[in-house]
Amino acid sequence: MSCTEINVNVTTGTSINVDFTTGAPGQNASILPQNFSGTALSGTSGQANRELTVSGVPLLVDVDNSMLHPTSQYTVNGSTITFLNKTFDSQKITIWN
């Protein structure tokens, strides 16, 4: 399936509904959140470059209800996310995939 348009409606803490429009009738899919605390990350609280491995490929990353920007705030290698900024154990992390 080739995708010509993606419409995303995000509500923090819930699933994301995505409408894939291909020119034929749209197909709907849900991107489900995975919730973690900073204690799930490698390294020490307050350090940069801490890693988190999730099931699936991460599409969106949220820390304490703020969406992060790929390449400037995090990187992805397969299913492993590297948080480029300081990340603390007390922070709430939500990954959608």
PDB file of N, CA and C in Angstrom:
ATOM      1  N   MET A   1       0.843  -1.168   0.000  1.00  0.00           N
ATOM      2  CA  MET A   1       0.000   0.000   0.000  1.00  0.00           C
ATOM      3  C   MET A   1       0.892   1.235   0.000  1.00  0.00           C
ATOM      4  N   SER A   2       0.645   2.123  -0.922  1.00  0.00           N
ATOM      5  CA  SER A   2       1.337   3.410  -0.872  1.00  0.00           C
ATOM      6  C   SER A   2       0.429   4.402  -0.166  1.00  0.00           C
ATOM      7  N   CYS A   3       1.043   5.273   0.561  1.00  0.00           N
ATOM      8  CA  CYS A   3       0.269   6.221   1.367  1.00  0.00           C
ATOM      9  C   CYS A   3       0.453   7.618   0.801  1.00  0.00           C
ATOM     10  N   THR A   4      -0.628   8.231   0.411  1.00  0.00           N
ATOM     11  CA  THR A   4      -0.543   9.577  -0.144  1.00  0.00           C
ATOM     12  C   THR A   4      -0.910  10.645   0.874  1.00  0.00           C
ATOM     13  N   GLU A   5      -1.589  10.268   1.929  1.00  0.00           N
ATOM     14  CA  GLU A   5      -1.997  11.249   2.941  1.00  0.00           C
ATOM     15  C   GLU A   5      -2.149  10.551   4.268  1.00  0.00           C
ATOM     16  N   ILE A   6      -1.648  11.171   5.331  1.00  0.00           N
ATOM     17  CA  ILE A   6      -1.830  10.649   6.676  1.00  0.00           C
ATOM     18  C   ILE A   6      -2.389  11.770   7.534  1.00  0.00           C
ATOM     19  N   ASN A   7      -3.522  11.528   8.151  1.00  0.00           N
ATOM     20  CA  ASN A   7      -4.121  12.477   9.095  1.00  0.00           C
ATOM     21  C   ASN A   7      -3.986  11.891  10.490  1.00  0.00           C
ATOM     22  N   VAL A   8      -3.416  12.654  11.419  1.00  0.00           N
ATOM     23  CA  VAL A   8      -3.180  12.159  12.769  1.00  0.00           C
ATOM     24  C   VAL A   8      -3.881  13.068  13.765  1.00  0.00           C
ATOM     25  N   ASN A   9      -4.613  12.464  14.700  1.00  0.00           N
ATOM     26  CA  ASN A   9      -5.264  13.188  15.775  1.00  0.00           C
ATOM     27  C   ASN A   9      -4.679  12.669  17.079  1.00  0.00           C
ATOM     28  N   VAL A  10      -3.908  13.492  17.807  1.00  0.00           N
ATOM     29  CA  VAL A  10      -3.191  13.048  18.993  1.00  0.00           C
ATOM     30  C   VAL A  10      -3.877  13.568  20.244  1.00  0.00           C
ATOM     31  N   THR A  11      -4.136  12.672  21.179  1.00  0.00           N
ATOM     32  CA  THR A  11      -4.576  13.034  22.507  1.00  0.00           C
ATOM     33  C   THR A  11      -3.614  12.354  23.466  1.00  0.00           C
ATOM     34  N   THR A  12      -2.870  13.123  24.229  1.00  0.00           N
ATOM     35  CA  THR A  12      -1.838  12.574  25.099  1.00  0.00           C
ATOM     36  C   THR A  12      -2.422  11.518  26.022  1.00  0.00           C
ATOM     37  N   GLY A  13      -1.712  10.394  26.113  1.00  0.00           N
ATOM     38  CA  GLY A  13      -2.115   9.314  27.000  1.00  0.00           C
ATOM     39  C   GLY A  13      -3.122   8.354  26.402  1.00  0.00           C
ATOM     40  N   THR A  14      -3.517   8.567  25.164  1.00  0.00           N
ATOM     41  CA  THR A  14      -4.464   7.667  24.533  1.00  0.00           C
ATOM     42  C   THR A  14      -3.886   7.176  23.216  1.00  0.00           C
ATOM     43  N   SER A  15      -4.644   6.345  22.523  1.00  0.00           N
ATOM     44  CA  SER A  15      -4.181   5.882  21.223  1.00  0.00           C
ATOM     45  C   SER A  15      -4.265   7.015  20.211  1.00  0.00           C
ATOM     46  N   ILE A  16      -3.545   6.852  19.129  1.00  0.00           N
ATOM     47  CA  ILE A  16      -3.556   7.832  18.043  1.00  0.00           C
ATOM     48  C   ILE A  16      -4.278   7.182  16.877  1.00  0.00           C
ATOM     49  N   ASN A  17      -5.295   7.851  16.384  1.00  0.00           N
ATOM     50  CA  ASN A  17      -6.019   7.325  15.237  1.00  0.00           C
ATOM     51  C   ASN A  17      -5.405   7.882  13.963  1.00  0.00           C
ATOM     52  N   VAL A  18      -5.076   6.999  13.055  1.00  0.00           N
ATOM     53  CA  VAL A  18      -4.433   7.395  11.808  1.00  0.00           C
ATOM     54  C   VAL A  18      -5.292   6.933  10.649  1.00  0.00           C
ATOM     55  N   ASP A  19      -5.554   7.833   9.713  1.00  0.00           N
ATOM     56  CA  ASP A  19      -6.316   7.499   8.514  1.00  0.00           C
ATOM     57  C   ASP A  19      -5.350   7.491   7.338  1.00  0.00           C
ATOM     58  N   PHE A  20      -5.105   6.307   6.798  1.00  0.00           N
ATOM     59  CA  PHE A  20      -4.241   6.167   5.638  1.00  0.00           C
ATOM     60  C   PHE A  20      -5.118   6.278   4.396  1.00  0.00           C
ATOM     61  N   THR A  21      -4.932   7.323   3.606  1.00  0.00           N
ATOM     62  CA  THR A  21      -5.732   7.529   2.407  1.00  0.00           C
ATOM     63  C   THR A  21      -4.885   7.186   1.192  1.00  0.00           C
ATOM     64  N   THR A  22      -5.353   6.257   0.393  1.00  0.00           N
ATOM     65  CA  THR A  22      -4.569   5.778  -0.736  1.00  0.00           C
ATOM     66  C   THR A  22      -5.231   6.084  -2.064  1.00  0.00           C
ATOM     67  N   GLY A  23      -6.306   6.833  -2.072  1.00  0.00           N
ATOM     68  CA  GLY A  23      -7.066   7.073  -3.289  1.00  0.00           C
ATOM     69  C   GLY A  23      -8.253   6.126  -3.364  1.00  0.00           C
ATOM     70  N   ALA A  24      -8.119   4.971  -2.739  1.00  0.00           N
ATOM     71  CA  ALA A  24      -9.213   4.016  -2.572  1.00  0.00           C
ATOM     72  C   ALA A  24      -9.836   4.337  -1.215  1.00  0.00           C
ATOM     73  N   PRO A  25     -10.861   3.616  -0.805  1.00  0.00           N
ATOM     74  CA  PRO A  25     -11.416   3.862   0.529  1.00  0.00           C
ATOM     75  C   PRO A  25     -10.318   3.785   1.592  1.00  0.00           C
ATOM     76  N   GLY A  26     -10.330   4.719   2.552  1.00  0.00           N
ATOM     77  CA  GLY A  26      -9.287   4.791   3.577  1.00  0.00           C
ATOM     78  C   GLY A  26      -9.234   3.553   4.444  1.00  0.00           C
ATOM     79  N   GLN A  27      -8.054   3.270   4.954  1.00  0.00           N
ATOM     80  CA  GLN A  27      -7.858   2.187   5.905  1.00  0.00           C
ATOM     81  C   GLN A  27      -7.460   2.826   7.216  1.00  0.00           C
ATOM     82  N   ASN A  28      -8.095   2.432   8.307  1.00  0.00           N
ATOM     83  CA  ASN A  28      -7.793   3.006   9.604  1.00  0.00           C
ATOM     84  C   ASN A  28      -6.881   2.079  10.392  1.00  0.00           C
ATOM     85  N   ALA A  29      -6.004   2.658  11.175  1.00  0.00           N
ATOM     86  CA  ALA A  29      -5.114   1.902  12.044  1.00  0.00           C
ATOM     87  C   ALA A  29      -4.970   2.684  13.340  1.00  0.00           C
ATOM     88  N   SER A  30      -4.656   1.996  14.410  1.00  0.00           N
ATOM     89  CA  SER A  30      -4.389   2.665  15.677  1.00  0.00           C
ATOM     90  C   SER A  30      -2.930   2.471  16.039  1.00  0.00           C
ATOM     91  N   ILE A  31      -2.303   3.532  16.501  1.00  0.00           N
ATOM     92  CA  ILE A  31      -0.952   3.469  17.014  1.00  0.00           C
ATOM     93  C   ILE A  31      -1.094   3.532  18.526  1.00  0.00           C
ATOM     94  N   LEU A  32      -0.701   2.467  19.210  1.00  0.00           N
ATOM     95  CA  LEU A  32      -0.955   2.367  20.636  1.00  0.00           C
ATOM     96  C   LEU A  32       0.233   2.843  21.455  1.00  0.00           C
ATOM     97  N   PRO A  33      -0.033   3.472  22.602  1.00  0.00           N
ATOM     98  CA  PRO A  33       1.056   3.974  23.435  1.00  0.00           C
ATOM     99  C   PRO A  33       1.664   2.885  24.315  1.00  0.00           C
ATOM    100  N   GLN A  34       2.941   3.040  24.590  1.00  0.00           N
ATOM    101  CA  GLN A  34       3.626   2.262  25.619  1.00  0.00           C
ATOM    102  C   GLN A  34       4.112   3.274  26.644  1.00  0.00           C
ATOM    103  N   ASN A  35       3.809   3.051  27.914  1.00  0.00           N
ATOM    104  CA  ASN A  35       4.172   4.003  28.965  1.00  0.00           C
ATOM    105  C   ASN A  35       5.309   3.462  29.820  1.00  0.00           C
ATOM    106  N   PHE A  36       6.256   4.336  30.139  1.00  0.00           N
ATOM    107  CA  PHE A  36       7.421   3.991  30.939  1.00  0.00           C
ATOM    108  C   PHE A  36       7.708   5.134  31.897  1.00  0.00           C
ATOM    109  N   SER A  37       8.522   4.862  32.890  1.00  0.00           N
ATOM    110  CA  SER A  37       9.122   5.938  33.682  1.00  0.00           C
ATOM    111  C   SER A  37      10.595   5.966  33.312  1.00  0.00           C
ATOM    112  N   GLY A  38      11.260   7.031  33.686  1.00  0.00           N
ATOM    113  CA  GLY A  38      12.671   7.170  33.374  1.00  0.00           C
ATOM    114  C   GLY A  38      13.534   6.057  33.950  1.00  0.00           C
ATOM    115  N   THR A  39      13.011   5.347  34.968  1.00  0.00           N
ATOM    116  CA  THR A  39      13.781   4.248  35.554  1.00  0.00           C
ATOM    117  C   THR A  39      13.996   3.104  34.559  1.00  0.00           C
ATOM    118  N   ALA A  40      13.213   3.059  33.482  1.00  0.00           N
ATOM    119  CA  ALA A  40      13.355   2.002  32.474  1.00  0.00           C
ATOM    120  C   ALA A  40      14.522   2.256  31.523  1.00  0.00           C
ATOM    121  N   LEU A  41      15.101   3.458  31.575  1.00  0.00           N
ATOM    122  CA  LEU A  41      16.193   3.821  30.683  1.00  0.00           C
ATOM    123  C   LEU A  41      17.526   3.321  31.230  1.00  0.00           C
ATOM    124  N   SER A  42      18.475   3.114  30.309  1.00  0.00           N
ATOM    125  CA  SER A  42      19.827   2.756  30.722  1.00  0.00           C
ATOM    126  C   SER A  42      20.492   3.970  31.370  1.00  0.00           C
ATOM    127  N   GLY A  43      21.600   3.743  32.032  1.00  0.00           N
ATOM    128  CA  GLY A  43      22.372   4.857  32.586  1.00  0.00           C
ATOM    129  C   GLY A  43      21.801   5.382  33.889  1.00  0.00           C
ATOM    130  N   THR A  44      22.249   6.577  34.238  1.00  0.00           N
ATOM    131  CA  THR A  44      21.932   7.195  35.515  1.00  0.00           C
ATOM    132  C   THR A  44      21.001   8.381  35.317  1.00  0.00           C
ATOM    133  N   SER A  45      20.080   8.557  36.243  1.00  0.00           N
ATOM    134  CA  SER A  45      19.150   9.684  36.198  1.00  0.00           C
ATOM    135  C   SER A  45      19.912  10.994  36.044  1.00  0.00           C
ATOM    136  N   GLY A  46      19.435  11.840  35.115  1.00  0.00           N
ATOM    137  CA  GLY A  46      20.050  13.134  34.883  1.00  0.00           C
ATOM    138  C   GLY A  46      21.105  13.141  33.795  1.00  0.00           C
ATOM    139  N   GLN A  47      21.420  11.971  33.243  1.00  0.00           N
ATOM    140  CA  GLN A  47      22.403  11.897  32.163  1.00  0.00           C
ATOM    141  C   GLN A  47      21.736  12.037  30.806  1.00  0.00           C
ATOM    142  N   ALA A  48      22.498  12.471  29.817  1.00  0.00           N
ATOM    143  CA  ALA A  48      22.066  12.454  28.425  1.00  0.00           C
ATOM    144  C   ALA A  48      22.436  11.102  27.819  1.00  0.00           C
ATOM    145  N   ASN A  49      21.903  10.831  26.640  1.00  0.00           N
ATOM    146  CA  ASN A  49      22.206   9.614  25.874  1.00  0.00           C
ATOM    147  C   ASN A  49      21.781   8.324  26.571  1.00  0.00           C
ATOM    148  N   ARG A  50      20.721   8.396  27.361  1.00  0.00           N
ATOM    149  CA  ARG A  50      20.171   7.187  27.960  1.00  0.00           C
ATOM    150  C   ARG A  50      19.328   6.476  26.910  1.00  0.00           C
ATOM    151  N   GLU A  51      19.242   5.153  26.996  1.00  0.00           N
ATOM    152  CA  GLU A  51      18.551   4.369  25.975  1.00  0.00           C
ATOM    153  C   GLU A  51      17.360   3.610  26.549  1.00  0.00           C
ATOM    154  N   LEU A  52      16.387   3.384  25.669  1.00  0.00           N
ATOM    155  CA  LEU A  52      15.195   2.594  25.984  1.00  0.00           C
ATOM    156  C   LEU A  52      14.898   1.721  24.784  1.00  0.00           C
ATOM    157  N   THR A  53      14.745   0.421  25.018  1.00  0.00           N
ATOM    158  CA  THR A  53      14.360  -0.494  23.953  1.00  0.00           C
ATOM    159  C   THR A  53      12.893  -0.846  24.139  1.00  0.00           C
ATOM    160  N   VAL A  54      12.101  -0.672  23.080  1.00  0.00           N
ATOM    161  CA  VAL A  54      10.661  -0.906  23.127  1.00  0.00           C
ATOM    162  C   VAL A  54      10.295  -2.010  22.140  1.00  0.00           C
ATOM    163  N   SER A  55       9.085  -2.524  22.258  1.00  0.00           N
ATOM    164  CA  SER A  55       8.610  -3.485  21.265  1.00  0.00           C
ATOM    165  C   SER A  55       8.122  -2.712  20.051  1.00  0.00           C
ATOM    166  N   GLY A  56       8.558  -3.100  18.889  1.00  0.00           N
ATOM    167  CA  GLY A  56       8.161  -2.404  17.670  1.00  0.00           C
ATOM    168  C   GLY A  56       9.067  -1.219  17.387  1.00  0.00           C
ATOM    169  N   VAL A  57       8.739  -0.496  16.332  1.00  0.00           N
ATOM    170  CA  VAL A  57       9.516   0.670  15.918  1.00  0.00           C
ATOM    171  C   VAL A  57       8.822   1.930  16.418  1.00  0.00           C
ATOM    172  N   PRO A  58       9.505   2.743  17.230  1.00  0.00           N
ATOM    173  CA  PRO A  58       8.881   3.957  17.761  1.00  0.00           C
ATOM    174  C   PRO A  58       8.597   4.986  16.676  1.00  0.00           C
ATOM    175  N   LEU A  59       7.378   5.539  16.696  1.00  0.00           N
ATOM    176  CA  LEU A  59       6.981   6.563  15.736  1.00  0.00           C
ATOM    177  C   LEU A  59       6.949   7.950  16.369  1.00  0.00           C
ATOM    178  N   LEU A  60       6.472   8.016  17.600  1.00  0.00           N
ATOM    179  CA  LEU A  60       6.379   9.287  18.337  1.00  0.00           C
ATOM    180  C   LEU A  60       6.918   9.076  19.743  1.00  0.00           C
ATOM    181  N   VAL A  61       7.595  10.089  20.276  1.00  0.00           N
ATOM    182  CA  VAL A  61       8.175  10.005  21.609  1.00  0.00           C
ATOM    183  C   VAL A  61       7.741  11.233  22.409  1.00  0.00           C
ATOM    184  N   ASP A  62       7.242  11.003  23.613  1.00  0.00           N
ATOM    185  CA  ASP A  62       6.732  12.056  24.489  1.00  0.00           C
ATOM    186  C   ASP A  62       7.385  11.898  25.857  1.00  0.00           C
ATOM    187  N   VAL A  63       7.917  12.981  26.409  1.00  0.00           N
ATOM    188  CA  VAL A  63       8.453  12.977  27.767  1.00  0.00           C
ATOM    189  C   VAL A  63       7.716  14.048  28.557  1.00  0.00           C
ATOM    190  N   ASP A  64       7.076  13.631  29.628  1.00  0.00           N
ATOM    191  CA  ASP A  64       6.303  14.548  30.481  1.00  0.00           C
ATOM    192  C   ASP A  64       5.346  15.420  29.669  1.00  0.00           C
ATOM    193  N   ASN A  65       4.600  14.794  28.774  1.00  0.00           N
ATOM    194  CA  ASN A  65       3.572  15.440  27.952  1.00  0.00           C
ATOM    195  C   ASN A  65       4.127  16.462  26.950  1.00  0.00           C
ATOM    196  N   SER A  66       5.378  16.314  26.567  1.00  0.00           N
ATOM    197  CA  SER A  66       5.968  17.140  25.510  1.00  0.00           C
ATOM    198  C   SER A  66       6.516  16.222  24.425  1.00  0.00           C
ATOM    199  N   MET A  67       6.004  16.392  23.213  1.00  0.00           N
ATOM    200  CA  MET A  67       6.498  15.598  22.093  1.00  0.00           C
ATOM    201  C   MET A  67       7.932  15.993  21.778  1.00  0.00           C
ATOM    202  N   LEU A  68       8.789  14.995  21.597  1.00  0.00           N
ATOM    203  CA  LEU A  68      10.179  15.264  21.260  1.00  0.00           C
ATOM    204  C   LEU A  68      10.366  15.280  19.748  1.00  0.00           C
ATOM    205  N   HIS A  69      11.419  15.974  19.319  1.00  0.00           N
ATOM    206  CA  HIS A  69      11.736  16.074  17.896  1.00  0.00           C
ATOM    207  C   HIS A  69      12.824  15.068  17.547  1.00  0.00           C
ATOM    208  N   PRO A  70      12.559  14.226  16.534  1.00  0.00           N
ATOM    209  CA  PRO A  70      13.581  13.251  16.133  1.00  0.00           C
ATOM    210  C   PRO A  70      14.844  13.957  15.636  1.00  0.00           C
ATOM    211  N   THR A  71      15.951  13.342  15.836  1.00  0.00           N
ATOM    212  CA  THR A  71      17.316  13.754  15.483  1.00  0.00           C
ATOM    213  C   THR A  71      17.873  14.870  16.361  1.00  0.00           C
ATOM    214  N   SER A  72      17.046  15.794  16.861  1.00  0.00           N
ATOM    215  CA  SER A  72      17.584  16.837  17.741  1.00  0.00           C
ATOM    216  C   SER A  72      17.380  16.507  19.219  1.00  0.00           C
ATOM    217  N   GLN A  73      16.354  15.692  19.543  1.00  0.00           N
ATOM    218  CA  GLN A  73      16.098  15.339  20.936  1.00  0.00           C
ATOM    219  C   GLN A  73      16.172  13.838  21.197  1.00  0.00           C
ATOM    220  N   TYR A  74      16.047  13.038  20.148  1.00  0.00           N
ATOM    221  CA  TYR A  74      16.207  11.588  20.291  1.00  0.00           C
ATOM    222  C   TYR A  74      16.560  10.995  18.934  1.00  0.00           C
ATOM    223  N   THR A  75      17.169   9.818  18.982  1.00  0.00           N
ATOM    224  CA  THR A  75      17.442   9.054  17.760  1.00  0.00           C
ATOM    225  C   THR A  75      16.864   7.660  17.933  1.00  0.00           C
ATOM    226  N   VAL A  76      16.638   6.995  16.810  1.00  0.00           N
ATOM    227  CA  VAL A  76      16.090   5.641  16.823  1.00  0.00           C
ATOM    228  C   VAL A  76      16.990   4.741  15.994  1.00  0.00           C
ATOM    229  N   ASN A  77      17.314   3.596  16.551  1.00  0.00           N
ATOM    230  CA  ASN A  77      18.041   2.562  15.836  1.00  0.00           C
ATOM    231  C   ASN A  77      17.286   1.257  16.065  1.00  0.00           C
ATOM    232  N   GLY A  78      16.481   0.849  15.069  1.00  0.00           N
ATOM    233  CA  GLY A  78      15.606  -0.316  15.239  1.00  0.00           C
ATOM    234  C   GLY A  78      14.539   0.002  16.261  1.00  0.00           C
ATOM    235  N   SER A  79      14.537  -0.728  17.374  1.00  0.00           N
ATOM    236  CA  SER A  79      13.549  -0.476  18.427  1.00  0.00           C
ATOM    237  C   SER A  79      14.176   0.202  19.650  1.00  0.00           C
ATOM    238  N   THR A  80      15.401   0.700  19.504  1.00  0.00           N
ATOM    239  CA  THR A  80      16.088   1.383  20.609  1.00  0.00           C
ATOM    240  C   THR A  80      16.074   2.891  20.391  1.00  0.00           C
ATOM    241  N   ILE A  81      15.617   3.607  21.415  1.00  0.00           N
ATOM    242  CA  ILE A  81      15.560   5.067  21.401  1.00  0.00           C
ATOM    243  C   ILE A  81      16.696   5.583  22.269  1.00  0.00           C
ATOM    244  N   THR A  82      17.452   6.539  21.760  1.00  0.00           N
ATOM    245  CA  THR A  82      18.470   7.227  22.554  1.00  0.00           C
ATOM    246  C   THR A  82      17.990   8.647  22.804  1.00  0.00           C
ATOM    247  N   PHE A  83      17.834   8.991  24.077  1.00  0.00           N
ATOM    248  CA  PHE A  83      17.401  10.331  24.468  1.00  0.00           C
ATOM    249  C   PHE A  83      18.638  11.215  24.535  1.00  0.00           C
ATOM    250  N   LEU A  84      18.738  12.204  23.663  1.00  0.00           N
ATOM    251  CA  LEU A  84      19.941  13.019  23.537  1.00  0.00           C
ATOM    252  C   LEU A  84      20.090  14.040  24.657  1.00  0.00           C
ATOM    253  N   ASN A  85      18.977  14.435  25.273  1.00  0.00           N
ATOM    254  CA  ASN A  85      19.009  15.393  26.373  1.00  0.00           C
ATOM    255  C   ASN A  85      19.037  14.660  27.707  1.00  0.00           C
ATOM    256  N   LYS A  86      19.316  15.385  28.772  1.00  0.00           N
ATOM    257  CA  LYS A  86      19.270  14.801  30.109  1.00  0.00           C
ATOM    258  C   LYS A  86      17.868  14.257  30.360  1.00  0.00           C
ATOM    259  N   THR A  87      17.795  13.047  30.881  1.00  0.00           N
ATOM    260  CA  THR A  87      16.517  12.410  31.185  1.00  0.00           C
ATOM    261  C   THR A  87      16.583  11.893  32.625  1.00  0.00           C
ATOM    262  N   PHE A  88      15.505  12.113  33.370  1.00  0.00           N
ATOM    263  CA  PHE A  88      15.484  11.788  34.789  1.00  0.00           C
ATOM    264  C   PHE A  88      14.551  10.607  35.064  1.00  0.00           C
ATOM    265  N   ASP A  89      14.878   9.850  36.120  1.00  0.00           N
ATOM    266  CA  ASP A  89      14.071   8.677  36.481  1.00  0.00           C
ATOM    267  C   ASP A  89      12.632   9.030  36.786  1.00  0.00           C
ATOM    268  N   SER A  90      12.376  10.254  37.245  1.00  0.00           N
ATOM    269  CA  SER A  90      11.017  10.662  37.632  1.00  0.00           C
ATOM    270  C   SER A  90      10.140  11.030  36.442  1.00  0.00           C
ATOM    271  N   GLN A  91      10.703  11.097  35.237  1.00  0.00           N
ATOM    272  CA  GLN A  91       9.932  11.538  34.081  1.00  0.00           C
ATOM    273  C   GLN A  91       9.057  10.412  33.517  1.00  0.00           C
ATOM    274  N   LYS A  92       7.891  10.823  32.999  1.00  0.00           N
ATOM    275  CA  LYS A  92       6.957   9.904  32.356  1.00  0.00           C
ATOM    276  C   LYS A  92       7.259   9.897  30.859  1.00  0.00           C
ATOM    277  N   ILE A  93       7.439   8.714  30.304  1.00  0.00           N
ATOM    278  CA  ILE A  93       7.784   8.576  28.883  1.00  0.00           C
ATOM    279  C   ILE A  93       6.695   7.770  28.210  1.00  0.00           C
ATOM    280  N   THR A  94       6.188   8.283  27.096  1.00  0.00           N
ATOM    281  CA  THR A  94       5.199   7.572  26.294  1.00  0.00           C
ATOM    282  C   THR A  94       5.743   7.429  24.886  1.00  0.00           C
ATOM    283  N   ILE A  95       5.695   6.211  24.382  1.00  0.00           N
ATOM    284  CA  ILE A  95       6.157   5.895  23.032  1.00  0.00           C
ATOM    285  C   ILE A  95       4.974   5.344  22.270  1.00  0.00           C
ATOM    286  N   TRP A  96       4.744   5.870  21.067  1.00  0.00           N
ATOM    287  CA  TRP A  96       3.697   5.322  20.214  1.00  0.00           C
ATOM    288  C   TRP A  96       4.368   4.568  19.075  1.00  0.00           C
ATOM    289  N   ASN A  97       3.881   3.359  18.815  1.00  0.00           N
ATOM    290  CA  ASN A  97       4.385   2.588  17.682  1.00  0.00           C
ATOM    291  C   ASN A  97       3.304   1.709  17.108  1.00  0.00           C
TER     292      ASN A  97
END
